[in-house]
């Protein structure tokens, strides 16, 4: 510490004496100030006198009706009020920072974009102390080697060594934009001019056709466009590009908003659903438990949930 810093500190009165002064200045009454600080009136008076001697100025004029500021006292009260308010804000911010928590959730890309993100506002509003990090991947994170607390995966829920919670009850359904649905207009077959959008990595058309009771539905000769991602397929649908067969959980939000509709009835199942997968250490994490307690109920009312 430099000599100038030492000289500066030696001129400062004690923090306690400034706190006593601030209380007396707020009340302008020694009795009430002493009660607030849990001091005797004589002890409070001695603190004020010591402060005045340290500063070399009178801070109050004492009268039968209480205290009145001197010019120096009023100036010091302005300084101490701002200083204590600033310290209080700083300590509060520090406490908030220390109590914050980070939660890392690894999510399949299509599910993150089309199903999870539209619901996250509710969780964040309820838990402002949690900093949520969404890691979006085409392939599943290895919970054993990654820093993810939870991984949301599509599958049958048979990942051994992990706690798996089913969060969707998917059915496969046909969907398209309202303008495309108007061209179909209740027909049991898709007009040739309407393009079939397919995800070549997860193509649900065959499974859907196999489980339909009406054999008149044919898609073999339909012009098609192939993508390698369901989220892109759904975005293309909302642009009116064509129709597709997809998972109900990925289009539940779009169906609710009306950007997509079902051109005709008929659904199928492929035995797969989205699961929240936790590693052994994550199951005991209080922040993980908060997220899991929110996650499954958040999808309870989606299309396909039974």
C-alpha atoms as a PDB file:
ATOM      1  CA  UNK A   1       0.000   0.000   0.000  1.00  0.00           C
ATOM      2  CA  UNK A   2       1.404   3.393  -0.982  1.00  0.00           C
ATOM      3  CA  UNK A   3       1.965   6.281   1.456  1.00  0.00           C
ATOM      4  CA  UNK A   4      -0.810   8.288  -0.220  1.00  0.00           C
ATOM      5  CA  UNK A   5      -3.297   5.453   0.322  1.00  0.00           C
ATOM      6  CA  UNK A   6      -2.265   5.154   3.968  1.00  0.00           C
ATOM      7  CA  UNK A   7      -2.727   8.906   4.451  1.00  0.00           C
ATOM      8  CA  UNK A   8      -6.165   8.758   2.835  1.00  0.00           C
ATOM      9  CA  UNK A   9      -7.327   5.885   5.074  1.00  0.00           C
ATOM     10  CA  UNK A  10      -6.088   7.639   8.216  1.00  0.00           C
ATOM     11  CA  UNK A  11      -8.357  10.584   7.433  1.00  0.00           C
ATOM     12  CA  UNK A  12     -11.462   8.411   7.139  1.00  0.00           C
ATOM     13  CA  UNK A  13     -13.637   8.015  10.242  1.00  0.00           C
ATOM     14  CA  UNK A  14     -14.667   4.512  11.263  1.00  0.00           C
ATOM     15  CA  UNK A  15     -17.512   2.829   9.390  1.00  0.00           C
ATOM     16  CA  UNK A  16     -19.336   2.345  12.699  1.00  0.00           C
ATOM     17  CA  UNK A  17     -19.276   6.056  13.487  1.00  0.00           C
ATOM     18  CA  UNK A  18     -20.628   6.863  10.021  1.00  0.00           C
ATOM     19  CA  UNK A  19     -23.405   4.282  10.492  1.00  0.00           C
ATOM     20  CA  UNK A  20     -24.334   5.886  13.833  1.00  0.00           C
ATOM     21  CA  UNK A  21     -24.317   9.331  12.220  1.00  0.00           C
ATOM     22  CA  UNK A  22     -26.506   8.141   9.332  1.00  0.00           C
ATOM     23  CA  UNK A  23     -29.116   6.736  11.718  1.00  0.00           C
ATOM     24  CA  UNK A  24     -29.152   9.958  13.787  1.00  0.00           C
ATOM     25  CA  UNK A  25     -29.422  12.023  10.610  1.00  0.00           C
ATOM     26  CA  UNK A  26     -32.375  10.000   9.302  1.00  0.00           C
ATOM     27  CA  UNK A  27     -34.334  10.363  12.533  1.00  0.00           C
ATOM     28  CA  UNK A  28     -32.969  13.722  13.748  1.00  0.00           C
ATOM     29  CA  UNK A  29     -33.770  12.243  17.142  1.00  0.00           C
ATOM     30  CA  UNK A  30     -31.266  10.558  19.443  1.00  0.00           C
ATOM     31  CA  UNK A  31     -33.832   8.336  21.179  1.00  0.00           C
ATOM     32  CA  UNK A  32     -35.181   6.821  17.955  1.00  0.00           C
ATOM     33  CA  UNK A  33     -31.718   6.446  16.460  1.00  0.00           C
ATOM     34  CA  UNK A  34     -30.468   4.696  19.601  1.00  0.00           C
ATOM     35  CA  UNK A  35     -33.452   2.327  19.512  1.00  0.00           C
ATOM     36  CA  UNK A  36     -32.749   1.418  15.890  1.00  0.00           C
ATOM     37  CA  UNK A  37     -29.087   0.686  16.609  1.00  0.00           C
ATOM     38  CA  UNK A  38     -29.807  -0.956  19.967  1.00  0.00           C
ATOM     39  CA  UNK A  39     -27.493   1.457  21.752  1.00  0.00           C
ATOM     40  CA  UNK A  40     -27.992   3.571  24.811  1.00  0.00           C
ATOM     41  CA  UNK A  41     -28.535   7.248  24.099  1.00  0.00           C
ATOM     42  CA  UNK A  42     -25.310   8.142  25.928  1.00  0.00           C
ATOM     43  CA  UNK A  43     -23.299   5.648  23.856  1.00  0.00           C
ATOM     44  CA  UNK A  44     -24.745   7.066  20.641  1.00  0.00           C
ATOM     45  CA  UNK A  45     -23.930  10.616  21.761  1.00  0.00           C
ATOM     46  CA  UNK A  46     -20.318   9.622  22.476  1.00  0.00           C
ATOM     47  CA  UNK A  47     -20.004   8.123  18.971  1.00  0.00           C
ATOM     48  CA  UNK A  48     -21.304  11.334  17.393  1.00  0.00           C
ATOM     49  CA  UNK A  49     -18.954  13.477  19.496  1.00  0.00           C
ATOM     50  CA  UNK A  50     -15.975  11.302  18.480  1.00  0.00           C
ATOM     51  CA  UNK A  51     -16.940  11.690  14.834  1.00  0.00           C
ATOM     52  CA  UNK A  52     -17.254  15.447  15.106  1.00  0.00           C
ATOM     53  CA  UNK A  53     -13.844  15.642  16.819  1.00  0.00           C
ATOM     54  CA  UNK A  54     -12.323  13.481  14.080  1.00  0.00           C
ATOM     55  CA  UNK A  55     -13.736  15.697  11.328  1.00  0.00           C
ATOM     56  CA  UNK A  56     -13.211  18.956  13.224  1.00  0.00           C
ATOM     57  CA  UNK A  57     -16.727  20.219  12.493  1.00  0.00           C
ATOM     58  CA  UNK A  58     -20.104  20.229  14.247  1.00  0.00           C
ATOM     59  CA  UNK A  59     -22.654  18.039  12.492  1.00  0.00           C
ATOM     60  CA  UNK A  60     -25.802  18.808  14.470  1.00  0.00           C
ATOM     61  CA  UNK A  61     -27.269  21.601  16.488  1.00  0.00           C
ATOM     62  CA  UNK A  62     -28.994  20.158  19.539  1.00  0.00           C
ATOM     63  CA  UNK A  63     -32.238  21.720  20.746  1.00  0.00           C
ATOM     64  CA  UNK A  64     -35.274  20.897  22.870  1.00  0.00           C
ATOM     65  CA  UNK A  65     -37.125  19.486  19.845  1.00  0.00           C
ATOM     66  CA  UNK A  66     -34.290  17.256  18.684  1.00  0.00           C
ATOM     67  CA  UNK A  67     -31.459  17.687  16.235  1.00  0.00           C
ATOM     68  CA  UNK A  68     -30.943  20.069  13.354  1.00  0.00           C
ATOM     69  CA  UNK A  69     -28.304  19.759  10.674  1.00  0.00           C
ATOM     70  CA  UNK A  70     -25.408  22.111  10.403  1.00  0.00           C
ATOM     71  CA  UNK A  71     -24.324  22.815   6.825  1.00  0.00           C
ATOM     72  CA  UNK A  72     -21.491  20.280   7.215  1.00  0.00           C
ATOM     73  CA  UNK A  73     -23.850  17.702   8.731  1.00  0.00           C
ATOM     74  CA  UNK A  74     -26.338  17.982   5.880  1.00  0.00           C
ATOM     75  CA  UNK A  75     -23.523  17.557   3.357  1.00  0.00           C
ATOM     76  CA  UNK A  76     -22.148  14.500   5.170  1.00  0.00           C
ATOM     77  CA  UNK A  77     -25.634  12.963   5.373  1.00  0.00           C
ATOM     78  CA  UNK A  78     -25.952  13.219   1.583  1.00  0.00           C
ATOM     79  CA  UNK A  79     -22.590  11.470   1.142  1.00  0.00           C
ATOM     80  CA  UNK A  80     -23.242   8.696   3.665  1.00  0.00           C
ATOM     81  CA  UNK A  81     -26.751   7.994   2.334  1.00  0.00           C
ATOM     82  CA  UNK A  82     -25.425   7.446  -1.185  1.00  0.00           C
ATOM     83  CA  UNK A  83     -22.458   5.446   0.060  1.00  0.00           C
ATOM     84  CA  UNK A  84     -24.565   3.045   2.158  1.00  0.00           C
ATOM     85  CA  UNK A  85     -27.085   2.632  -0.683  1.00  0.00           C
ATOM     86  CA  UNK A  86     -24.252   1.753  -3.069  1.00  0.00           C
ATOM     87  CA  UNK A  87     -22.742  -0.752  -0.631  1.00  0.00           C
ATOM     88  CA  UNK A  88     -26.142  -2.351  -0.084  1.00  0.00           C
ATOM     89  CA  UNK A  89     -26.633  -2.740  -3.838  1.00  0.00           C
ATOM     90  CA  UNK A  90     -23.162  -4.213  -4.256  1.00  0.00           C
ATOM     91  CA  UNK A  91     -23.624  -6.762  -1.478  1.00  0.00           C
ATOM     92  CA  UNK A  92     -27.055  -7.726  -2.861  1.00  0.00           C
ATOM     93  CA  UNK A  93     -25.631  -8.220  -6.352  1.00  0.00           C
ATOM     94  CA  UNK A  94     -22.791 -10.301  -4.942  1.00  0.00           C
ATOM     95  CA  UNK A  95     -25.218 -12.531  -3.053  1.00  0.00           C
ATOM     96  CA  UNK A  96     -27.312 -12.977  -6.199  1.00  0.00           C
ATOM     97  CA  UNK A  97     -24.259 -13.880  -8.259  1.00  0.00           C
ATOM     98  CA  UNK A  98     -23.063 -16.428  -5.719  1.00  0.00           C
ATOM     99  CA  UNK A  99     -26.474 -18.127  -5.609  1.00  0.00           C
ATOM    100  CA  UNK A 100     -26.845 -18.486  -9.385  1.00  0.00           C
ATOM    101  CA  UNK A 101     -26.733 -21.947 -10.925  1.00  0.00           C
ATOM    102  CA  UNK A 102     -25.966 -23.212 -14.423  1.00  0.00           C
ATOM    103  CA  UNK A 103     -27.927 -26.067 -15.979  1.00  0.00           C
ATOM    104  CA  UNK A 104     -26.669 -27.699 -19.181  1.00  0.00           C
ATOM    105  CA  UNK A 105     -29.247 -29.540 -21.297  1.00  0.00           C
ATOM    106  CA  UNK A 106     -28.185 -31.393 -24.445  1.00  0.00           C
ATOM    107  CA  UNK A 107     -31.085 -31.596 -26.901  1.00  0.00           C
ATOM    108  CA  UNK A 108     -31.674 -33.087 -30.333  1.00  0.00           C
ATOM    109  CA  UNK A 109     -31.796 -30.153 -32.745  1.00  0.00           C
ATOM    110  CA  UNK A 110     -35.323 -30.590 -34.098  1.00  0.00           C
ATOM    111  CA  UNK A 111     -36.816 -31.115 -30.650  1.00  0.00           C
ATOM    112  CA  UNK A 112     -34.974 -28.056 -29.308  1.00  0.00           C
ATOM    113  CA  UNK A 113     -36.235 -25.764 -32.067  1.00  0.00           C
ATOM    114  CA  UNK A 114     -39.769 -27.025 -32.526  1.00  0.00           C
ATOM    115  CA  UNK A 115     -40.819 -28.365 -29.112  1.00  0.00           C
ATOM    116  CA  UNK A 116     -38.641 -27.228 -26.206  1.00  0.00           C
ATOM    117  CA  UNK A 117     -37.800 -23.586 -26.957  1.00  0.00           C
ATOM    118  CA  UNK A 118     -41.452 -22.417 -27.236  1.00  0.00           C
ATOM    119  CA  UNK A 119     -42.038 -23.648 -23.666  1.00  0.00           C
ATOM    120  CA  UNK A 120     -38.822 -22.486 -21.958  1.00  0.00           C
ATOM    121  CA  UNK A 121     -40.090 -19.036 -21.020  1.00  0.00           C
ATOM    122  CA  UNK A 122     -42.304 -20.538 -18.325  1.00  0.00           C
ATOM    123  CA  UNK A 123     -39.360 -22.300 -16.664  1.00  0.00           C
ATOM    124  CA  UNK A 124     -37.050 -19.279 -16.868  1.00  0.00           C
ATOM    125  CA  UNK A 125     -39.713 -17.000 -15.393  1.00  0.00           C
ATOM    126  CA  UNK A 126     -40.207 -19.373 -12.465  1.00  0.00           C
ATOM    127  CA  UNK A 127     -36.451 -19.779 -11.840  1.00  0.00           C
ATOM    128  CA  UNK A 128     -34.571 -16.536 -12.588  1.00  0.00           C
ATOM    129  CA  UNK A 129     -31.640 -17.788 -10.499  1.00  0.00           C
ATOM    130  CA  UNK A 130     -30.843 -20.505 -13.078  1.00  0.00           C
ATOM    131  CA  UNK A 131     -28.669 -19.838 -16.118  1.00  0.00           C
ATOM    132  CA  UNK A 132     -29.833 -22.365 -18.700  1.00  0.00           C
ATOM    133  CA  UNK A 133     -27.496 -23.562 -21.447  1.00  0.00           C
ATOM    134  CA  UNK A 134     -29.010 -25.494 -24.331  1.00  0.00           C
ATOM    135  CA  UNK A 135     -26.463 -27.552 -26.282  1.00  0.00           C
ATOM    136  CA  UNK A 136     -28.028 -28.505 -29.606  1.00  0.00           C
ATOM    137  CA  UNK A 137     -26.585 -31.512 -31.411  1.00  0.00           C
ATOM    138  CA  UNK A 138     -27.603 -33.805 -34.227  1.00  0.00           C
ATOM    139  CA  UNK A 139     -26.205 -36.683 -32.195  1.00  0.00           C
ATOM    140  CA  UNK A 140     -26.640 -37.406 -28.528  1.00  0.00           C
ATOM    141  CA  UNK A 141     -24.162 -36.165 -25.969  1.00  0.00           C
ATOM    142  CA  UNK A 142     -22.343 -38.766 -23.926  1.00  0.00           C
ATOM    143  CA  UNK A 143     -23.368 -37.900 -20.374  1.00  0.00           C
ATOM    144  CA  UNK A 144     -20.371 -39.762 -19.042  1.00  0.00           C
ATOM    145  CA  UNK A 145     -17.825 -37.558 -20.797  1.00  0.00           C
ATOM    146  CA  UNK A 146     -19.668 -34.309 -21.532  1.00  0.00           C
ATOM    147  CA  UNK A 147     -20.645 -31.570 -19.080  1.00  0.00           C
ATOM    148  CA  UNK A 148     -24.360 -31.950 -19.855  1.00  0.00           C
ATOM    149  CA  UNK A 149     -26.650 -32.492 -16.868  1.00  0.00           C
ATOM    150  CA  UNK A 150     -29.560 -33.807 -18.956  1.00  0.00           C
ATOM    151  CA  UNK A 151     -29.790 -35.184 -22.490  1.00  0.00           C
ATOM    152  CA  UNK A 152     -33.133 -35.170 -24.324  1.00  0.00           C
ATOM    153  CA  UNK A 153     -33.131 -38.062 -26.796  1.00  0.00           C
ATOM    154  CA  UNK A 154     -35.467 -39.851 -29.166  1.00  0.00           C
ATOM    155  CA  UNK A 155     -35.619 -43.573 -28.531  1.00  0.00           C
ATOM    156  CA  UNK A 156     -37.316 -46.362 -26.626  1.00  0.00           C
ATOM    157  CA  UNK A 157     -35.988 -45.387 -23.186  1.00  0.00           C
ATOM    158  CA  UNK A 158     -33.650 -48.344 -22.762  1.00  0.00           C
ATOM    159  CA  UNK A 159     -30.353 -46.561 -22.082  1.00  0.00           C
ATOM    160  CA  UNK A 160     -28.825 -48.709 -19.367  1.00  0.00           C
ATOM    161  CA  UNK A 161     -27.119 -47.058 -16.447  1.00  0.00           C
ATOM    162  CA  UNK A 162     -29.130 -43.859 -16.784  1.00  0.00           C
ATOM    163  CA  UNK A 163     -32.388 -42.587 -15.351  1.00  0.00           C
ATOM    164  CA  UNK A 164     -34.800 -42.070 -18.267  1.00  0.00           C
ATOM    165  CA  UNK A 165     -38.037 -40.082 -18.056  1.00  0.00           C
ATOM    166  CA  UNK A 166     -40.514 -40.257 -20.934  1.00  0.00           C
ATOM    167  CA  UNK A 167     -41.682 -36.742 -21.840  1.00  0.00           C
ATOM    168  CA  UNK A 168     -43.685 -37.274 -25.063  1.00  0.00           C
ATOM    169  CA  UNK A 169     -46.227 -39.771 -26.324  1.00  0.00           C
ATOM    170  CA  UNK A 170     -45.705 -39.328 -30.047  1.00  0.00           C
ATOM    171  CA  UNK A 171     -47.928 -40.273 -32.918  1.00  0.00           C
ATOM    172  CA  UNK A 172     -47.050 -39.854 -36.581  1.00  0.00           C
ATOM    173  CA  UNK A 173     -49.442 -37.532 -38.398  1.00  0.00           C
ATOM    174  CA  UNK A 174     -49.770 -35.754 -41.755  1.00  0.00           C
ATOM    175  CA  UNK A 175     -49.402 -31.956 -41.578  1.00  0.00           C
ATOM    176  CA  UNK A 176     -49.189 -29.013 -43.952  1.00  0.00           C
ATOM    177  CA  UNK A 177     -49.879 -25.292 -44.142  1.00  0.00           C
ATOM    178  CA  UNK A 178     -53.545 -24.174 -44.226  1.00  0.00           C
ATOM    179  CA  UNK A 179     -53.194 -23.095 -47.878  1.00  0.00           C
ATOM    180  CA  UNK A 180     -51.981 -26.548 -48.894  1.00  0.00           C
ATOM    181  CA  UNK A 181     -54.763 -28.183 -46.862  1.00  0.00           C
ATOM    182  CA  UNK A 182     -57.306 -26.148 -48.841  1.00  0.00           C
ATOM    183  CA  UNK A 183     -56.051 -27.798 -52.040  1.00  0.00           C
ATOM    184  CA  UNK A 184     -56.528 -31.247 -50.509  1.00  0.00           C
ATOM    185  CA  UNK A 185     -59.954 -30.210 -49.139  1.00  0.00           C
ATOM    186  CA  UNK A 186     -60.879 -33.431 -47.387  1.00  0.00           C
ATOM    187  CA  UNK A 187     -59.669 -35.775 -50.108  1.00  0.00           C
ATOM    188  CA  UNK A 188     -58.294 -39.121 -49.024  1.00  0.00           C
ATOM    189  CA  UNK A 189     -55.503 -38.816 -51.565  1.00  0.00           C
ATOM    190  CA  UNK A 190     -52.889 -36.127 -52.093  1.00  0.00           C
ATOM    191  CA  UNK A 191     -53.123 -34.286 -55.432  1.00  0.00           C
ATOM    192  CA  UNK A 192     -50.090 -34.893 -57.647  1.00  0.00           C
ATOM    193  CA  UNK A 193     -49.078 -31.238 -57.677  1.00  0.00           C
ATOM    194  CA  UNK A 194     -48.442 -31.148 -53.912  1.00  0.00           C
ATOM    195  CA  UNK A 195     -44.874 -31.987 -52.942  1.00  0.00           C
ATOM    196  CA  UNK A 196     -44.079 -34.570 -50.252  1.00  0.00           C
ATOM    197  CA  UNK A 197     -41.332 -33.402 -47.873  1.00  0.00           C
ATOM    198  CA  UNK A 198     -39.265 -36.203 -46.361  1.00  0.00           C
ATOM    199  CA  UNK A 199     -36.527 -36.443 -43.735  1.00  0.00           C
ATOM    200  CA  UNK A 200     -34.219 -39.070 -45.162  1.00  0.00           C
ATOM    201  CA  UNK A 201     -32.707 -39.801 -41.732  1.00  0.00           C
ATOM    202  CA  UNK A 202     -36.128 -40.384 -40.129  1.00  0.00           C
ATOM    203  CA  UNK A 203     -38.676 -41.016 -42.864  1.00  0.00           C
ATOM    204  CA  UNK A 204     -42.077 -41.738 -41.308  1.00  0.00           C
ATOM    205  CA  UNK A 205     -44.067 -42.112 -44.512  1.00  0.00           C
ATOM    206  CA  UNK A 206     -43.770 -45.907 -44.705  1.00  0.00           C
ATOM    207  CA  UNK A 207     -44.757 -46.461 -41.060  1.00  0.00           C
ATOM    208  CA  UNK A 208     -47.754 -44.179 -41.463  1.00  0.00           C
ATOM    209  CA  UNK A 209     -48.976 -45.843 -44.660  1.00  0.00           C
ATOM    210  CA  UNK A 210     -48.596 -49.342 -43.184  1.00  0.00           C
ATOM    211  CA  UNK A 211     -50.962 -48.508 -40.325  1.00  0.00           C
ATOM    212  CA  UNK A 212     -53.727 -46.787 -42.323  1.00  0.00           C
ATOM    213  CA  UNK A 213     -57.076 -48.541 -42.686  1.00  0.00           C
ATOM    214  CA  UNK A 214     -57.937 -46.833 -45.967  1.00  0.00           C
ATOM    215  CA  UNK A 215     -55.908 -48.377 -48.827  1.00  0.00           C
ATOM    216  CA  UNK A 216     -56.821 -45.529 -51.204  1.00  0.00           C
ATOM    217  CA  UNK A 217     -54.038 -43.317 -49.837  1.00  0.00           C
ATOM    218  CA  UNK A 218     -51.044 -43.604 -52.127  1.00  0.00           C
ATOM    219  CA  UNK A 219     -47.827 -41.608 -51.977  1.00  0.00           C
ATOM    220  CA  UNK A 220     -45.523 -43.670 -54.182  1.00  0.00           C
ATOM    221  CA  UNK A 221     -45.736 -41.351 -57.195  1.00  0.00           C
ATOM    222  CA  UNK A 222     -45.676 -38.104 -55.261  1.00  0.00           C
ATOM    223  CA  UNK A 223     -42.995 -35.572 -56.155  1.00  0.00           C
ATOM    224  CA  UNK A 224     -40.739 -35.236 -53.116  1.00  0.00           C
ATOM    225  CA  UNK A 225     -37.984 -33.142 -51.555  1.00  0.00           C
ATOM    226  CA  UNK A 226     -35.565 -34.747 -49.105  1.00  0.00           C
ATOM    227  CA  UNK A 227     -33.975 -33.044 -46.102  1.00  0.00           C
ATOM    228  CA  UNK A 228     -31.780 -34.443 -43.339  1.00  0.00           C
ATOM    229  CA  UNK A 229     -33.445 -32.567 -40.475  1.00  0.00           C
ATOM    230  CA  UNK A 230     -37.054 -32.492 -39.236  1.00  0.00           C
ATOM    231  CA  UNK A 231     -36.875 -28.853 -38.100  1.00  0.00           C
ATOM    232  CA  UNK A 232     -36.047 -27.764 -41.654  1.00  0.00           C
ATOM    233  CA  UNK A 233     -38.891 -29.869 -43.013  1.00  0.00           C
ATOM    234  CA  UNK A 234     -41.352 -28.195 -40.657  1.00  0.00           C
ATOM    235  CA  UNK A 235     -40.068 -24.716 -41.516  1.00  0.00           C
ATOM    236  CA  UNK A 236     -40.556 -25.556 -45.200  1.00  0.00           C
ATOM    237  CA  UNK A 237     -44.103 -26.696 -44.460  1.00  0.00           C
ATOM    238  CA  UNK A 238     -44.888 -23.350 -42.797  1.00  0.00           C
ATOM    239  CA  UNK A 239     -43.725 -21.665 -46.014  1.00  0.00           C
ATOM    240  CA  UNK A 240     -46.395 -23.647 -47.885  1.00  0.00           C
ATOM    241  CA  UNK A 241     -43.929 -25.880 -49.719  1.00  0.00           C
ATOM    242  CA  UNK A 242     -45.854 -29.173 -49.381  1.00  0.00           C
ATOM    243  CA  UNK A 243     -46.880 -31.721 -46.754  1.00  0.00           C
ATOM    244  CA  UNK A 244     -45.215 -34.399 -44.659  1.00  0.00           C
ATOM    245  CA  UNK A 245     -45.650 -37.118 -42.069  1.00  0.00           C
ATOM    246  CA  UNK A 246     -43.906 -36.215 -38.828  1.00  0.00           C
ATOM    247  CA  UNK A 247     -43.876 -36.621 -35.055  1.00  0.00           C
ATOM    248  CA  UNK A 248     -46.722 -34.935 -33.201  1.00  0.00           C
ATOM    249  CA  UNK A 249     -44.421 -33.457 -30.530  1.00  0.00           C
ATOM    250  CA  UNK A 250     -42.504 -31.507 -33.180  1.00  0.00           C
ATOM    251  CA  UNK A 251     -45.613 -29.825 -34.609  1.00  0.00           C
ATOM    252  CA  UNK A 252     -47.787 -29.455 -31.481  1.00  0.00           C
ATOM    253  CA  UNK A 253     -46.884 -25.779 -31.125  1.00  0.00           C
ATOM    254  CA  UNK A 254     -47.463 -25.080 -34.835  1.00  0.00           C
ATOM    255  CA  UNK A 255     -50.845 -26.856 -34.739  1.00  0.00           C
ATOM    256  CA  UNK A 256     -51.842 -24.815 -31.699  1.00  0.00           C
ATOM    257  CA  UNK A 257     -50.868 -21.549 -33.405  1.00  0.00           C
ATOM    258  CA  UNK A 258     -52.501 -22.568 -36.680  1.00  0.00           C
ATOM    259  CA  UNK A 259     -49.411 -22.250 -38.848  1.00  0.00           C
ATOM    260  CA  UNK A 260     -49.842 -25.957 -39.637  1.00  0.00           C
ATOM    261  CA  UNK A 261     -52.975 -28.115 -39.849  1.00  0.00           C
ATOM    262  CA  UNK A 262     -53.829 -31.774 -40.403  1.00  0.00           C
ATOM    263  CA  UNK A 263     -55.135 -32.190 -43.955  1.00  0.00           C
ATOM    264  CA  UNK A 264     -56.875 -35.449 -43.023  1.00  0.00           C
ATOM    265  CA  UNK A 265     -57.113 -37.865 -40.113  1.00  0.00           C
ATOM    266  CA  UNK A 266     -54.992 -40.927 -39.589  1.00  0.00           C
ATOM    267  CA  UNK A 267     -52.089 -41.548 -37.270  1.00  0.00           C
ATOM    268  CA  UNK A 268     -49.482 -44.166 -36.572  1.00  0.00           C
ATOM    269  CA  UNK A 269     -46.883 -45.042 -33.933  1.00  0.00           C
ATOM    270  CA  UNK A 270     -43.307 -46.173 -34.315  1.00  0.00           C
ATOM    271  CA  UNK A 271     -42.641 -47.006 -30.647  1.00  0.00           C
ATOM    272  CA  UNK A 272     -40.227 -44.096 -30.167  1.00  0.00           C
ATOM    273  CA  UNK A 273     -40.580 -41.077 -27.907  1.00  0.00           C
ATOM    274  CA  UNK A 274     -38.458 -38.314 -26.469  1.00  0.00           C
ATOM    275  CA  UNK A 275     -36.857 -39.053 -23.113  1.00  0.00           C
ATOM    276  CA  UNK A 276     -34.932 -36.929 -20.636  1.00  0.00           C
ATOM    277  CA  UNK A 277     -31.831 -38.914 -19.707  1.00  0.00           C
ATOM    278  CA  UNK A 278     -29.885 -38.211 -16.508  1.00  0.00           C
ATOM    279  CA  UNK A 279     -26.521 -39.552 -15.431  1.00  0.00           C
ATOM    280  CA  UNK A 280     -26.001 -40.928 -11.930  1.00  0.00           C
ATOM    281  CA  UNK A 281     -24.518 -37.679 -10.565  1.00  0.00           C
ATOM    282  CA  UNK A 282     -27.275 -35.541 -12.144  1.00  0.00           C
ATOM    283  CA  UNK A 283     -30.115 -37.275 -10.310  1.00  0.00           C
ATOM    284  CA  UNK A 284     -28.947 -35.767  -7.002  1.00  0.00           C
ATOM    285  CA  UNK A 285     -28.562 -32.240  -8.399  1.00  0.00           C
ATOM    286  CA  UNK A 286     -31.239 -29.908  -6.979  1.00  0.00           C
ATOM    287  CA  UNK A 287     -31.265 -27.742 -10.118  1.00  0.00           C
ATOM    288  CA  UNK A 288     -31.755 -30.825 -12.310  1.00  0.00           C
ATOM    289  CA  UNK A 289     -34.691 -31.817 -10.126  1.00  0.00           C
ATOM    290  CA  UNK A 290     -36.287 -28.376 -10.607  1.00  0.00           C
ATOM    291  CA  UNK A 291     -35.992 -28.725 -14.389  1.00  0.00           C
ATOM    292  CA  UNK A 292     -37.281 -32.291 -14.424  1.00  0.00           C
ATOM    293  CA  UNK A 293     -40.237 -31.383 -12.211  1.00  0.00           C
ATOM    294  CA  UNK A 294     -41.171 -28.795 -14.832  1.00  0.00           C
ATOM    295  CA  UNK A 295     -40.294 -30.716 -18.012  1.00  0.00           C
ATOM    296  CA  UNK A 296     -42.730 -33.618 -18.199  1.00  0.00           C
ATOM    297  CA  UNK A 297     -45.858 -31.670 -17.109  1.00  0.00           C
ATOM    298  CA  UNK A 298     -44.951 -29.052 -19.729  1.00  0.00           C
ATOM    299  CA  UNK A 299     -45.677 -31.632 -22.443  1.00  0.00           C
ATOM    300  CA  UNK A 300     -48.716 -33.283 -20.844  1.00  0.00           C
ATOM    301  CA  UNK A 301     -51.265 -31.437 -22.983  1.00  0.00           C
ATOM    302  CA  UNK A 302     -49.488 -31.833 -26.311  1.00  0.00           C
ATOM    303  CA  UNK A 303     -51.125 -33.695 -29.159  1.00  0.00           C
ATOM    304  CA  UNK A 304     -50.700 -37.443 -28.712  1.00  0.00           C
ATOM    305  CA  UNK A 305     -50.345 -37.391 -24.915  1.00  0.00           C
ATOM    306  CA  UNK A 306     -52.574 -40.004 -23.266  1.00  0.00           C
END
